[in-house]
């Protein structure tokens, strides 16, 4: 399984890669990844490539990703070229009009790309007082529910619990469930 995780600095892209890695190692699977930080500390693009299985190179080639997990809709659209035909985009959207663009819709249809969108910012405003720190966990929950991977909710919850500070345990569990139910 090949993942590309994209967003902007501070959204938890690298933490999400660590969660995937923890799950892979717990399963006894091989895992390899690479991170392109870009301008992460200045709110710029961040891209993480992650592979689970018998791969030699950490970088996902254009047209080969099974899943594009996008914490920012603009970064998701910019990185669609990584998805294979029939791949899946799990995306946090803040402006649905972007996905009404006829050219984008034609591109997605032509390539058979399935879009699983979540209004992450709205959900976090409503249920977490606007604390966007939990966006990555919310999207992980949505990815579990979408069925685009074989990741089980309990596996993701256990990895998130182990890798994040204890003070966030209850909030992470709540947000993971929220993302799962939002899909």
N, C-alpha and C. Protein backbone atom coordinates (compact mmCIF):
# COMPACT_ATOMS: atom_id res chain seq x y z
N UNK A 1 0.86 -1.16 0.00
CA UNK A 1 0.00 0.00 0.00
C UNK A 1 0.91 1.23 0.00
N UNK A 2 0.61 2.15 -0.90
CA UNK A 2 1.41 3.36 -1.02
C UNK A 2 0.55 4.58 -0.69
N UNK A 3 1.06 5.39 0.24
CA UNK A 3 0.37 6.58 0.70
C UNK A 3 1.19 7.82 0.37
N UNK A 4 0.50 8.89 0.03
CA UNK A 4 1.10 10.22 0.00
C UNK A 4 0.23 11.06 0.92
N UNK A 5 0.86 11.70 1.90
CA UNK A 5 0.16 12.52 2.88
C UNK A 5 0.62 13.95 2.67
N UNK A 6 -0.34 14.85 2.45
CA UNK A 6 0.02 16.23 2.13
C UNK A 6 -0.78 17.22 2.98
N UNK A 7 -0.21 18.38 3.11
CA UNK A 7 -0.87 19.47 3.83
C UNK A 7 0.08 20.64 3.94
N UNK A 8 -0.16 21.44 4.94
CA UNK A 8 0.73 22.58 5.20
C UNK A 8 1.34 22.41 6.59
N UNK A 9 2.44 23.09 6.81
CA UNK A 9 3.17 22.96 8.06
C UNK A 9 2.28 23.12 9.28
N UNK A 10 2.45 22.23 10.24
CA UNK A 10 1.71 22.31 11.49
C UNK A 10 0.44 21.49 11.52
N UNK A 11 0.11 20.80 10.44
CA UNK A 11 -1.14 20.03 10.41
C UNK A 11 -0.98 18.58 10.87
N UNK A 12 0.22 18.15 11.18
CA UNK A 12 0.41 16.81 11.70
C UNK A 12 0.68 15.74 10.66
N UNK A 13 1.21 16.14 9.53
CA UNK A 13 1.51 15.19 8.45
C UNK A 13 2.54 14.16 8.92
N UNK A 14 3.60 14.62 9.56
CA UNK A 14 4.67 13.71 9.97
C UNK A 14 4.20 12.79 11.09
N UNK A 15 3.36 13.28 11.99
CA UNK A 15 2.79 12.44 13.04
C UNK A 15 1.96 11.32 12.41
N UNK A 16 1.19 11.64 11.40
CA UNK A 16 0.35 10.64 10.74
C UNK A 16 1.21 9.56 10.10
N UNK A 17 2.34 9.94 9.53
CA UNK A 17 3.28 8.95 8.97
C UNK A 17 3.79 8.03 10.07
N UNK A 18 4.07 8.59 11.23
CA UNK A 18 4.54 7.78 12.35
C UNK A 18 3.46 6.79 12.79
N UNK A 19 2.21 7.22 12.77
CA UNK A 19 1.10 6.33 13.13
C UNK A 19 1.05 5.16 12.15
N UNK A 20 1.14 5.46 10.85
CA UNK A 20 1.15 4.38 9.84
C UNK A 20 2.32 3.44 10.07
N UNK A 21 3.48 4.00 10.37
CA UNK A 21 4.66 3.19 10.62
C UNK A 21 4.50 2.28 11.83
N UNK A 22 3.94 2.81 12.88
CA UNK A 22 3.70 2.03 14.10
C UNK A 22 2.78 0.85 13.81
N UNK A 23 1.71 1.12 13.07
CA UNK A 23 0.76 0.06 12.74
C UNK A 23 1.45 -1.01 11.89
N UNK A 24 2.21 -0.59 10.89
CA UNK A 24 2.92 -1.55 10.03
C UNK A 24 3.87 -2.42 10.85
N UNK A 25 4.64 -1.80 11.73
CA UNK A 25 5.59 -2.56 12.54
C UNK A 25 4.88 -3.50 13.50
N UNK A 26 3.77 -3.05 14.09
CA UNK A 26 2.99 -3.91 14.97
C UNK A 26 2.45 -5.13 14.23
N UNK A 27 2.17 -4.96 12.95
CA UNK A 27 1.68 -6.07 12.12
C UNK A 27 2.81 -6.97 11.64
N UNK A 28 4.04 -6.54 11.83
CA UNK A 28 5.18 -7.30 11.32
C UNK A 28 5.43 -7.05 9.84
N UNK A 29 4.87 -5.99 9.31
CA UNK A 29 5.03 -5.66 7.89
C UNK A 29 6.24 -4.74 7.69
N UNK A 30 6.75 -4.75 6.50
CA UNK A 30 7.82 -3.82 6.16
C UNK A 30 7.22 -2.45 5.88
N UNK A 31 7.93 -1.41 6.29
CA UNK A 31 7.47 -0.04 6.07
C UNK A 31 8.66 0.83 5.72
N UNK A 32 8.41 1.77 4.82
CA UNK A 32 9.46 2.69 4.41
C UNK A 32 8.79 4.02 4.07
N UNK A 33 9.47 5.10 4.39
CA UNK A 33 8.87 6.40 4.12
C UNK A 33 9.91 7.47 3.92
N UNK A 34 9.44 8.59 3.43
CA UNK A 34 10.30 9.74 3.21
C UNK A 34 9.46 11.00 3.40
N UNK A 35 10.07 12.00 3.97
CA UNK A 35 9.35 13.24 4.21
C UNK A 35 10.02 14.39 3.48
N UNK A 36 9.22 15.19 2.85
CA UNK A 36 9.70 16.41 2.21
C UNK A 36 9.09 17.55 3.02
N UNK A 37 9.89 18.14 3.86
CA UNK A 37 9.37 19.15 4.78
C UNK A 37 9.01 20.46 4.11
N UNK A 38 9.74 20.85 3.08
CA UNK A 38 9.46 22.13 2.43
C UNK A 38 9.55 23.26 3.43
N UNK A 39 8.55 24.11 3.42
CA UNK A 39 8.51 25.25 4.34
C UNK A 39 7.58 24.95 5.51
N UNK A 40 7.75 23.81 6.11
CA UNK A 40 6.84 23.36 7.16
C UNK A 40 6.71 24.36 8.30
N UNK A 41 7.81 24.95 8.71
CA UNK A 41 7.76 25.87 9.84
C UNK A 41 7.15 27.22 9.48
N UNK A 42 6.95 27.47 8.23
CA UNK A 42 6.36 28.73 7.78
C UNK A 42 4.96 28.52 7.18
N UNK A 43 4.37 27.36 7.44
CA UNK A 43 3.03 27.09 6.92
C UNK A 43 3.02 26.69 5.46
N UNK A 44 4.17 26.27 4.94
CA UNK A 44 4.26 25.87 3.54
C UNK A 44 3.93 24.41 3.34
N UNK A 45 4.06 23.96 2.12
CA UNK A 45 3.73 22.58 1.73
C UNK A 45 4.57 21.56 2.49
N UNK A 46 3.91 20.49 2.90
CA UNK A 46 4.59 19.35 3.50
C UNK A 46 4.04 18.11 2.81
N UNK A 47 4.95 17.24 2.37
CA UNK A 47 4.58 16.01 1.69
C UNK A 47 5.32 14.86 2.35
N UNK A 48 4.60 13.80 2.66
CA UNK A 48 5.20 12.60 3.22
C UNK A 48 4.81 11.42 2.34
N UNK A 49 5.80 10.62 1.98
CA UNK A 49 5.56 9.40 1.21
C UNK A 49 5.71 8.24 2.18
N UNK A 50 4.80 7.28 2.10
CA UNK A 50 4.86 6.15 3.02
C UNK A 50 4.38 4.89 2.31
N UNK A 51 5.16 3.82 2.47
CA UNK A 51 4.82 2.55 1.83
C UNK A 51 4.82 1.42 2.85
N UNK A 52 3.83 0.58 2.75
CA UNK A 52 3.76 -0.62 3.58
C UNK A 52 3.82 -1.81 2.64
N UNK A 53 4.83 -2.64 2.82
CA UNK A 53 5.02 -3.80 1.95
C UNK A 53 6.47 -3.89 1.52
N UNK A 54 6.72 -4.73 0.54
CA UNK A 54 8.08 -4.99 0.07
C UNK A 54 8.47 -3.99 -1.01
N UNK A 55 8.95 -2.85 -0.60
CA UNK A 55 9.38 -1.79 -1.52
C UNK A 55 10.85 -1.47 -1.26
N UNK A 56 11.53 -1.02 -2.29
CA UNK A 56 12.94 -0.69 -2.18
C UNK A 56 13.18 0.81 -2.00
N UNK A 57 12.32 1.63 -2.58
CA UNK A 57 12.49 3.08 -2.55
C UNK A 57 11.38 3.71 -1.72
N UNK A 58 11.71 4.72 -0.91
CA UNK A 58 10.68 5.35 -0.08
C UNK A 58 9.77 6.30 -0.85
N UNK A 59 10.20 6.76 -2.00
CA UNK A 59 9.40 7.74 -2.73
C UNK A 59 8.32 7.06 -3.58
N UNK A 60 7.14 7.62 -3.51
CA UNK A 60 6.02 7.14 -4.33
C UNK A 60 6.12 7.86 -5.67
N UNK A 61 6.12 7.10 -6.73
CA UNK A 61 6.19 7.68 -8.06
C UNK A 61 4.83 8.24 -8.47
N UNK A 62 4.84 9.23 -9.33
CA UNK A 62 3.59 9.78 -9.86
C UNK A 62 2.78 8.65 -10.48
N UNK A 63 1.49 8.63 -10.18
CA UNK A 63 0.60 7.62 -10.73
C UNK A 63 0.61 6.29 -10.01
N UNK A 64 1.23 6.20 -8.81
CA UNK A 64 1.32 4.92 -8.13
C UNK A 64 0.71 4.88 -6.72
N UNK A 65 0.35 6.01 -6.15
CA UNK A 65 -0.19 6.02 -4.79
C UNK A 65 -1.59 5.41 -4.77
N UNK A 66 -1.83 4.61 -3.76
CA UNK A 66 -3.16 4.05 -3.55
C UNK A 66 -4.06 5.07 -2.86
N UNK A 67 -3.45 5.81 -1.92
CA UNK A 67 -4.20 6.78 -1.12
C UNK A 67 -3.45 8.09 -1.07
N UNK A 68 -4.19 9.17 -1.30
CA UNK A 68 -3.68 10.52 -1.08
C UNK A 68 -4.49 11.07 0.09
N UNK A 69 -3.83 11.27 1.21
CA UNK A 69 -4.47 11.81 2.41
C UNK A 69 -4.10 13.27 2.49
N UNK A 70 -5.08 14.15 2.29
CA UNK A 70 -4.82 15.59 2.17
C UNK A 70 -5.47 16.36 3.31
N UNK A 71 -4.65 16.98 4.13
CA UNK A 71 -5.15 17.80 5.24
C UNK A 71 -5.56 19.19 4.76
N UNK A 72 -5.18 19.53 3.56
CA UNK A 72 -5.51 20.82 2.95
C UNK A 72 -6.00 20.54 1.53
N UNK A 73 -7.17 21.07 1.17
CA UNK A 73 -7.73 20.74 -0.15
C UNK A 73 -6.86 21.25 -1.29
N UNK A 74 -6.23 22.39 -1.13
CA UNK A 74 -5.35 22.91 -2.19
C UNK A 74 -4.17 21.99 -2.42
N UNK A 75 -3.57 21.52 -1.33
CA UNK A 75 -2.44 20.58 -1.46
C UNK A 75 -2.93 19.25 -2.03
N UNK A 76 -4.13 18.86 -1.68
CA UNK A 76 -4.68 17.63 -2.24
C UNK A 76 -4.83 17.72 -3.75
N UNK A 77 -5.39 18.82 -4.22
CA UNK A 77 -5.57 19.00 -5.67
C UNK A 77 -4.21 19.07 -6.36
N UNK A 78 -3.25 19.79 -5.77
CA UNK A 78 -1.92 19.92 -6.37
C UNK A 78 -1.18 18.59 -6.47
N UNK A 79 -1.52 17.66 -5.61
CA UNK A 79 -0.78 16.39 -5.57
C UNK A 79 -1.56 15.20 -6.11
N UNK A 80 -2.65 15.45 -6.83
CA UNK A 80 -3.44 14.37 -7.42
C UNK A 80 -2.63 13.49 -8.37
N UNK A 81 -1.60 14.07 -8.96
CA UNK A 81 -0.79 13.30 -9.92
C UNK A 81 -0.13 12.08 -9.28
N UNK A 82 -0.01 12.06 -7.96
CA UNK A 82 0.59 10.89 -7.30
C UNK A 82 -0.34 9.68 -7.30
N UNK A 83 -1.66 9.92 -7.37
CA UNK A 83 -2.61 8.80 -7.31
C UNK A 83 -2.59 7.95 -8.57
N UNK A 84 -2.74 6.67 -8.37
CA UNK A 84 -2.89 5.74 -9.49
C UNK A 84 -4.33 5.86 -10.00
N UNK A 85 -4.57 5.41 -11.19
CA UNK A 85 -5.94 5.33 -11.68
C UNK A 85 -6.72 4.43 -10.73
N UNK A 86 -7.88 4.89 -10.29
CA UNK A 86 -8.68 4.13 -9.35
C UNK A 86 -8.29 4.34 -7.90
N UNK A 87 -7.31 5.22 -7.65
CA UNK A 87 -6.87 5.51 -6.29
C UNK A 87 -7.91 6.33 -5.54
N UNK A 88 -7.61 6.62 -4.28
CA UNK A 88 -8.56 7.33 -3.43
C UNK A 88 -7.94 8.57 -2.78
N UNK A 89 -8.72 9.64 -2.79
CA UNK A 89 -8.35 10.89 -2.14
C UNK A 89 -9.23 11.04 -0.91
N UNK A 90 -8.60 11.13 0.26
CA UNK A 90 -9.30 11.45 1.50
C UNK A 90 -8.86 12.87 1.83
N UNK A 91 -9.81 13.81 1.82
CA UNK A 91 -9.43 15.22 1.85
C UNK A 91 -10.27 16.04 2.82
N UNK A 92 -9.59 16.93 3.52
CA UNK A 92 -10.23 17.93 4.35
C UNK A 92 -10.61 19.09 3.42
N UNK A 93 -11.89 19.40 3.36
CA UNK A 93 -12.32 20.50 2.49
C UNK A 93 -12.86 21.65 3.31
N UNK A 94 -12.56 22.84 2.83
CA UNK A 94 -13.13 24.04 3.46
C UNK A 94 -13.96 24.84 2.47
N UNK A 95 -13.84 24.52 1.18
CA UNK A 95 -14.60 25.21 0.15
C UNK A 95 -15.04 24.18 -0.89
N UNK A 96 -16.28 23.74 -0.78
CA UNK A 96 -16.78 22.70 -1.68
C UNK A 96 -16.78 23.13 -3.14
N UNK A 97 -16.80 24.43 -3.39
CA UNK A 97 -16.82 24.92 -4.77
C UNK A 97 -15.58 24.49 -5.55
N UNK A 98 -14.48 24.30 -4.85
CA UNK A 98 -13.26 23.86 -5.52
C UNK A 98 -13.47 22.50 -6.19
N UNK A 99 -14.32 21.67 -5.59
CA UNK A 99 -14.56 20.34 -6.14
C UNK A 99 -15.76 20.31 -7.08
N UNK A 100 -16.24 21.48 -7.44
CA UNK A 100 -17.30 21.60 -8.45
C UNK A 100 -16.72 22.06 -9.79
N UNK A 101 -15.43 22.30 -9.82
CA UNK A 101 -14.76 22.74 -11.04
C UNK A 101 -14.91 21.65 -12.11
N UNK A 102 -15.48 21.98 -13.27
CA UNK A 102 -15.72 20.97 -14.31
C UNK A 102 -14.45 20.27 -14.78
N UNK A 103 -13.34 20.99 -14.87
CA UNK A 103 -12.09 20.37 -15.31
C UNK A 103 -11.58 19.37 -14.28
N UNK A 104 -11.69 19.72 -13.01
CA UNK A 104 -11.27 18.81 -11.95
C UNK A 104 -12.17 17.58 -11.93
N UNK A 105 -13.47 17.79 -12.03
CA UNK A 105 -14.40 16.66 -12.03
C UNK A 105 -14.13 15.71 -13.20
N UNK A 106 -13.83 16.25 -14.35
CA UNK A 106 -13.52 15.43 -15.52
C UNK A 106 -12.23 14.63 -15.29
N UNK A 107 -11.23 15.28 -14.72
CA UNK A 107 -9.95 14.62 -14.41
C UNK A 107 -10.18 13.45 -13.44
N UNK A 108 -10.92 13.70 -12.38
CA UNK A 108 -11.19 12.67 -11.38
C UNK A 108 -11.96 11.50 -12.00
N UNK A 109 -12.96 11.82 -12.82
CA UNK A 109 -13.77 10.79 -13.47
C UNK A 109 -12.93 9.97 -14.45
N UNK A 110 -12.16 10.66 -15.27
CA UNK A 110 -11.33 9.99 -16.28
C UNK A 110 -10.35 9.00 -15.63
N UNK A 111 -9.82 9.37 -14.47
CA UNK A 111 -8.83 8.53 -13.79
C UNK A 111 -9.46 7.58 -12.76
N UNK A 112 -10.78 7.67 -12.59
CA UNK A 112 -11.46 6.78 -11.65
C UNK A 112 -11.08 7.03 -10.20
N UNK A 113 -10.71 8.24 -9.88
CA UNK A 113 -10.29 8.59 -8.52
C UNK A 113 -11.53 8.80 -7.65
N UNK A 114 -11.56 8.11 -6.53
CA UNK A 114 -12.66 8.23 -5.57
C UNK A 114 -12.31 9.30 -4.55
N UNK A 115 -13.23 10.23 -4.31
CA UNK A 115 -13.00 11.32 -3.37
C UNK A 115 -13.84 11.10 -2.12
N UNK A 116 -13.18 11.12 -0.99
CA UNK A 116 -13.82 11.00 0.32
C UNK A 116 -13.51 12.30 1.05
N UNK A 117 -14.48 13.18 1.12
CA UNK A 117 -14.24 14.49 1.71
C UNK A 117 -14.83 14.61 3.11
N UNK A 118 -14.15 15.41 3.91
CA UNK A 118 -14.57 15.68 5.28
C UNK A 118 -14.40 17.18 5.51
N UNK A 119 -15.40 17.79 6.11
CA UNK A 119 -15.29 19.21 6.48
C UNK A 119 -14.63 19.29 7.85
N UNK A 120 -13.35 19.04 7.86
CA UNK A 120 -12.59 18.93 9.10
C UNK A 120 -12.61 20.18 9.95
N UNK A 121 -12.41 21.33 9.34
CA UNK A 121 -12.40 22.57 10.13
C UNK A 121 -13.75 22.81 10.77
N UNK A 122 -14.82 22.58 10.04
CA UNK A 122 -16.17 22.76 10.59
C UNK A 122 -16.40 21.82 11.77
N UNK A 123 -16.01 20.56 11.61
CA UNK A 123 -16.19 19.59 12.69
C UNK A 123 -15.38 19.97 13.93
N UNK A 124 -14.16 20.43 13.72
CA UNK A 124 -13.32 20.80 14.85
C UNK A 124 -13.80 22.09 15.52
N UNK A 125 -14.36 23.00 14.75
CA UNK A 125 -14.96 24.20 15.35
C UNK A 125 -16.14 23.80 16.24
N UNK A 126 -16.97 22.91 15.71
CA UNK A 126 -18.19 22.53 16.40
C UNK A 126 -17.93 21.66 17.64
N UNK A 127 -17.01 20.71 17.52
CA UNK A 127 -16.84 19.71 18.58
C UNK A 127 -15.59 19.89 19.44
N UNK A 128 -14.63 20.68 18.95
CA UNK A 128 -13.37 20.82 19.69
C UNK A 128 -13.00 22.28 19.94
N UNK A 129 -13.99 23.15 19.86
CA UNK A 129 -13.74 24.57 20.12
C UNK A 129 -12.77 25.22 19.15
N UNK A 130 -12.69 24.68 17.94
CA UNK A 130 -11.80 25.25 16.93
C UNK A 130 -10.34 24.86 17.10
N UNK A 131 -10.07 23.83 17.87
CA UNK A 131 -8.69 23.38 18.04
C UNK A 131 -8.30 22.50 16.85
N UNK A 132 -7.60 23.10 15.91
CA UNK A 132 -7.24 22.40 14.67
C UNK A 132 -6.04 21.47 14.84
N UNK A 133 -5.48 21.44 16.02
CA UNK A 133 -4.37 20.54 16.33
C UNK A 133 -4.74 19.09 16.04
N UNK A 134 -6.03 18.78 16.12
CA UNK A 134 -6.49 17.40 15.98
C UNK A 134 -6.92 17.03 14.57
N UNK A 135 -6.65 17.89 13.59
CA UNK A 135 -7.07 17.63 12.21
C UNK A 135 -6.52 16.31 11.69
N UNK A 136 -5.26 16.01 12.00
CA UNK A 136 -4.66 14.78 11.49
C UNK A 136 -5.36 13.54 12.02
N UNK A 137 -5.72 13.54 13.28
CA UNK A 137 -6.39 12.38 13.86
C UNK A 137 -7.81 12.26 13.29
N UNK A 138 -8.46 13.40 13.09
CA UNK A 138 -9.79 13.41 12.48
C UNK A 138 -9.76 12.76 11.09
N UNK A 139 -8.77 13.16 10.28
CA UNK A 139 -8.66 12.59 8.92
C UNK A 139 -8.28 11.11 8.95
N UNK A 140 -7.50 10.71 9.95
CA UNK A 140 -7.17 9.29 10.09
C UNK A 140 -8.44 8.48 10.36
N UNK A 141 -9.32 9.02 11.17
CA UNK A 141 -10.60 8.36 11.42
C UNK A 141 -11.43 8.26 10.17
N UNK A 142 -11.47 9.34 9.39
CA UNK A 142 -12.22 9.33 8.13
C UNK A 142 -11.62 8.32 7.15
N UNK A 143 -10.29 8.22 7.13
CA UNK A 143 -9.65 7.27 6.23
C UNK A 143 -10.03 5.84 6.62
N UNK A 144 -10.07 5.54 7.92
CA UNK A 144 -10.49 4.21 8.37
C UNK A 144 -11.90 3.90 7.89
N UNK A 145 -12.80 4.85 8.07
CA UNK A 145 -14.21 4.63 7.72
C UNK A 145 -14.43 4.52 6.22
N UNK A 146 -13.58 5.17 5.43
CA UNK A 146 -13.77 5.19 3.98
C UNK A 146 -13.56 3.83 3.34
N UNK A 147 -12.81 2.97 4.00
CA UNK A 147 -12.53 1.64 3.44
C UNK A 147 -11.45 1.64 2.38
N UNK A 148 -10.69 2.72 2.25
CA UNK A 148 -9.64 2.79 1.23
C UNK A 148 -8.38 2.04 1.66
N UNK A 149 -8.30 1.68 2.93
CA UNK A 149 -7.18 0.89 3.44
C UNK A 149 -7.75 -0.23 4.30
N UNK A 150 -6.86 -1.09 4.76
CA UNK A 150 -7.30 -2.14 5.68
C UNK A 150 -7.03 -1.76 7.13
N UNK A 151 -6.80 -0.48 7.38
CA UNK A 151 -6.54 -0.03 8.74
C UNK A 151 -7.81 -0.08 9.57
N UNK A 152 -7.73 -0.74 10.70
CA UNK A 152 -8.86 -0.84 11.61
C UNK A 152 -8.85 0.34 12.57
N UNK A 153 -10.01 0.79 12.94
CA UNK A 153 -10.15 1.89 13.87
C UNK A 153 -9.34 1.65 15.14
N UNK A 154 -9.44 0.45 15.71
CA UNK A 154 -8.74 0.15 16.96
C UNK A 154 -7.22 0.18 16.80
N UNK A 155 -6.72 -0.23 15.64
CA UNK A 155 -5.27 -0.15 15.38
C UNK A 155 -4.81 1.30 15.37
N UNK A 156 -5.56 2.13 14.67
CA UNK A 156 -5.20 3.54 14.57
C UNK A 156 -5.29 4.19 15.95
N UNK A 157 -6.36 3.88 16.68
CA UNK A 157 -6.53 4.45 18.02
C UNK A 157 -5.37 4.06 18.94
N UNK A 158 -4.95 2.82 18.88
CA UNK A 158 -3.84 2.36 19.73
C UNK A 158 -2.53 3.06 19.36
N UNK A 159 -2.28 3.21 18.06
CA UNK A 159 -1.04 3.87 17.63
C UNK A 159 -1.04 5.35 18.01
N UNK A 160 -2.18 6.01 17.82
CA UNK A 160 -2.29 7.42 18.19
C UNK A 160 -2.07 7.58 19.69
N UNK A 161 -2.68 6.70 20.47
CA UNK A 161 -2.54 6.77 21.93
C UNK A 161 -1.08 6.61 22.34
N UNK A 162 -0.39 5.67 21.74
CA UNK A 162 0.99 5.40 22.12
C UNK A 162 1.95 6.52 21.69
N UNK A 163 1.68 7.14 20.55
CA UNK A 163 2.62 8.11 20.00
C UNK A 163 2.37 9.56 20.44
N UNK A 164 1.20 9.85 20.97
CA UNK A 164 0.93 11.23 21.35
C UNK A 164 0.98 11.39 22.87
N UNK A 165 1.15 12.62 23.33
CA UNK A 165 1.19 12.86 24.77
C UNK A 165 -0.10 12.40 25.46
N UNK A 166 0.04 11.89 26.67
CA UNK A 166 -1.10 11.37 27.43
C UNK A 166 -2.19 12.42 27.63
N UNK A 167 -1.82 13.68 27.71
CA UNK A 167 -2.81 14.72 27.95
C UNK A 167 -3.81 14.86 26.79
N UNK A 168 -3.47 14.31 25.62
CA UNK A 168 -4.36 14.38 24.46
C UNK A 168 -5.17 13.09 24.24
N UNK A 169 -5.02 12.11 25.14
CA UNK A 169 -5.64 10.81 24.92
C UNK A 169 -7.15 10.89 24.72
N UNK A 170 -7.86 11.53 25.61
CA UNK A 170 -9.32 11.61 25.49
C UNK A 170 -9.75 12.38 24.24
N UNK A 171 -9.09 13.50 24.00
CA UNK A 171 -9.43 14.32 22.83
C UNK A 171 -9.15 13.56 21.53
N UNK A 172 -8.03 12.86 21.47
CA UNK A 172 -7.70 12.09 20.27
C UNK A 172 -8.73 11.00 20.01
N UNK A 173 -9.13 10.31 21.05
CA UNK A 173 -10.13 9.24 20.89
C UNK A 173 -11.45 9.84 20.37
N UNK A 174 -11.85 10.98 20.94
CA UNK A 174 -13.08 11.64 20.52
C UNK A 174 -13.00 12.07 19.06
N UNK A 175 -11.89 12.67 18.68
CA UNK A 175 -11.72 13.18 17.32
C UNK A 175 -11.59 12.04 16.31
N UNK A 176 -10.91 10.98 16.67
CA UNK A 176 -10.80 9.82 15.77
C UNK A 176 -12.21 9.27 15.48
N UNK A 177 -13.01 9.15 16.52
CA UNK A 177 -14.39 8.68 16.37
C UNK A 177 -15.20 9.66 15.53
N UNK A 178 -15.01 10.94 15.76
CA UNK A 178 -15.71 11.99 15.01
C UNK A 178 -15.40 11.89 13.52
N UNK A 179 -14.12 11.70 13.20
CA UNK A 179 -13.72 11.53 11.80
C UNK A 179 -14.29 10.28 11.18
N UNK A 180 -14.33 9.22 11.96
CA UNK A 180 -14.88 7.95 11.49
C UNK A 180 -16.37 8.11 11.17
N UNK A 181 -17.08 8.77 12.05
CA UNK A 181 -18.52 8.95 11.86
C UNK A 181 -18.84 10.00 10.78
N UNK A 182 -17.92 10.90 10.52
CA UNK A 182 -18.16 11.97 9.54
C UNK A 182 -18.13 11.46 8.11
N UNK A 183 -17.48 10.34 7.91
CA UNK A 183 -17.35 9.84 6.54
C UNK A 183 -18.64 9.31 6.04
